[in-house]
Amino acid sequence: MRFICYIFLLLAGSFILSTNHDEEDPDYYQVLGVERSASLKEIRRLYKINALRWHPDKNKGKEEEAHKRWLLISEAHEVLKDPQLRNEYDSQNEPNALMHVFSRCCAGSMSLFNIFSCRK
């Protein structure tokens, strides 16, 4: 039965990871337009380009949208420029991390439906 649980979790995790994230859970690499393997130099370069492009003072008439985007770009840069924060972010957003969370929910259970009550 545990094997069936893991198969279900694998399929569910793949589906979840293939769907787009909402505004609350942005992909910082996509926000800056860099690859996951980007160097710090590349991250800084694209941060500067995006920050200037979306600065509220340069987007008259769209100040509110520009301000939100500019804050998101700044947040992405803050996380990705710090090696420790970047490692934490990467480990939380990779498929193996998701499966680890699901497996903790299912570990002591013989019922597939117990995974939905996991609050860890």
Protein backbone atom coordinates (compact mmCIF):
# COMPACT_ATOMS: atom_id res chain seq x y z
CA MET A 1 0.00 0.00 0.00
CA ARG A 2 2.87 2.38 0.76
CA PHE A 3 4.16 1.80 -2.78
CA ILE A 4 0.83 3.00 -4.19
CA CYS A 5 1.02 6.05 -1.97
CA TYR A 6 4.45 6.97 -3.34
CA ILE A 7 3.32 6.46 -6.93
CA PHE A 8 0.37 8.75 -6.30
CA LEU A 9 2.62 11.34 -4.68
CA LEU A 10 5.06 11.20 -7.56
CA LEU A 11 2.27 11.87 -10.05
CA ALA A 12 0.72 14.59 -7.90
CA GLY A 13 4.11 16.25 -7.37
CA SER A 14 4.82 16.23 -11.09
CA PHE A 15 1.47 17.86 -11.77
CA ILE A 16 1.96 20.49 -9.10
CA LEU A 17 5.43 21.36 -10.34
CA SER A 18 4.27 21.62 -13.95
CA THR A 19 1.57 24.18 -13.13
CA ASN A 20 2.29 27.88 -12.99
CA HIS A 21 2.90 29.49 -9.64
CA ASP A 22 0.63 32.27 -8.54
CA GLU A 23 1.78 35.76 -7.54
CA GLU A 24 2.38 34.64 -3.95
CA ASP A 25 4.94 32.05 -5.03
CA PRO A 26 6.98 33.55 -7.86
CA ASP A 27 9.97 31.85 -9.45
CA TYR A 28 12.77 34.31 -8.76
CA TYR A 29 14.80 33.01 -11.68
CA GLN A 30 11.94 33.79 -14.06
CA VAL A 31 11.39 37.18 -12.43
CA LEU A 32 14.96 38.20 -13.27
CA GLY A 33 15.08 36.25 -16.52
CA VAL A 34 18.10 34.11 -15.61
CA GLU A 35 18.84 30.40 -15.72
CA ARG A 36 19.10 28.43 -12.47
CA SER A 37 22.81 27.99 -13.16
CA ALA A 38 23.39 31.75 -13.64
CA SER A 39 26.45 33.31 -12.07
CA LEU A 40 26.24 36.13 -9.55
CA LYS A 41 27.54 38.50 -12.23
CA GLU A 42 24.69 37.54 -14.58
CA ILE A 43 22.13 37.88 -11.78
CA ARG A 44 23.39 41.39 -10.96
CA ARG A 45 23.41 42.42 -14.62
CA LEU A 46 19.81 41.35 -15.24
CA TYR A 47 18.69 42.76 -11.90
CA LYS A 48 19.96 46.20 -12.90
CA ILE A 49 18.29 46.00 -16.31
CA ASN A 50 14.95 44.89 -14.85
CA ALA A 51 15.06 47.31 -11.91
CA LEU A 52 15.60 50.25 -14.27
CA ARG A 53 12.94 49.00 -16.67
CA TRP A 54 10.29 48.57 -13.97
CA HIS A 55 11.17 51.52 -11.74
CA PRO A 56 7.92 53.35 -10.86
CA ASP A 57 9.37 56.72 -11.94
CA LYS A 58 9.91 55.35 -15.47
CA ASN A 59 6.41 53.93 -15.83
CA LYS A 60 4.06 56.90 -15.74
CA GLY A 61 0.45 55.80 -15.78
CA LYS A 62 1.32 52.30 -14.52
CA GLU A 63 2.93 53.26 -11.22
CA GLU A 64 1.10 50.67 -9.11
CA GLU A 65 1.91 47.73 -11.41
CA ALA A 66 5.48 48.96 -11.84
CA HIS A 67 5.94 49.34 -8.07
CA LYS A 68 4.76 45.75 -7.42
CA ARG A 69 7.00 44.40 -10.18
CA TRP A 70 9.95 46.49 -8.98
CA LEU A 71 9.55 45.16 -5.42
CA LEU A 72 9.38 41.59 -6.73
CA ILE A 73 12.56 42.13 -8.76
CA SER A 74 14.32 43.53 -5.69
CA GLU A 75 13.15 40.58 -3.56
CA ALA A 76 14.37 38.10 -6.19
CA HIS A 77 17.75 39.82 -6.30
CA GLU A 78 18.09 39.80 -2.51
CA VAL A 79 17.49 36.05 -2.38
CA LEU A 80 19.58 35.03 -5.40
CA LYS A 81 22.60 37.21 -4.63
CA ASP A 82 23.16 35.61 -1.20
CA PRO A 83 24.62 32.08 -1.59
CA GLN A 84 22.97 30.77 1.59
CA LEU A 85 19.52 32.18 0.76
CA ARG A 86 19.86 30.95 -2.82
CA ASN A 87 20.66 27.42 -1.64
CA GLU A 88 17.64 27.47 0.68
CA TYR A 89 15.42 28.77 -2.10
CA ASP A 90 16.70 26.16 -4.56
CA SER A 91 16.25 23.31 -2.09
CA GLN A 92 12.65 24.34 -1.38
CA ASN A 93 11.77 24.62 -5.07
CA GLU A 94 13.15 21.40 -6.51
CA PRO A 95 11.09 18.25 -7.12
CA ASN A 96 12.99 16.16 -4.55
CA ALA A 97 12.16 18.66 -1.80
CA LEU A 98 8.45 18.40 -2.59
CA MET A 99 8.58 14.62 -2.57
CA HIS A 100 10.39 14.70 0.78
CA VAL A 101 7.55 16.73 2.31
CA PHE A 102 4.93 14.38 0.85
CA SER A 103 6.81 11.30 2.01
CA ARG A 104 6.85 12.59 5.60
CA CYS A 105 3.07 12.86 5.44
CA CYS A 106 2.66 9.35 4.12
CA ALA A 107 5.44 7.62 6.11
CA GLY A 108 3.43 6.26 9.03
CA SER A 109 0.22 5.81 7.15
CA MET A 110 -1.32 2.93 5.27
CA SER A 111 -4.13 5.08 3.89
CA LEU A 112 -3.82 7.20 0.78
CA PHE A 113 -6.27 9.71 2.16
CA ASN A 114 -4.05 10.61 5.14
CA ILE A 115 -1.75 12.58 2.86
CA PHE A 116 -4.45 15.23 2.50
CA SER A 117 -4.54 15.82 6.23
CA CYS A 118 -0.79 16.50 6.49
CA ARG A 119 -0.12 19.97 7.85
CA LYS A 120 3.68 19.84 8.11
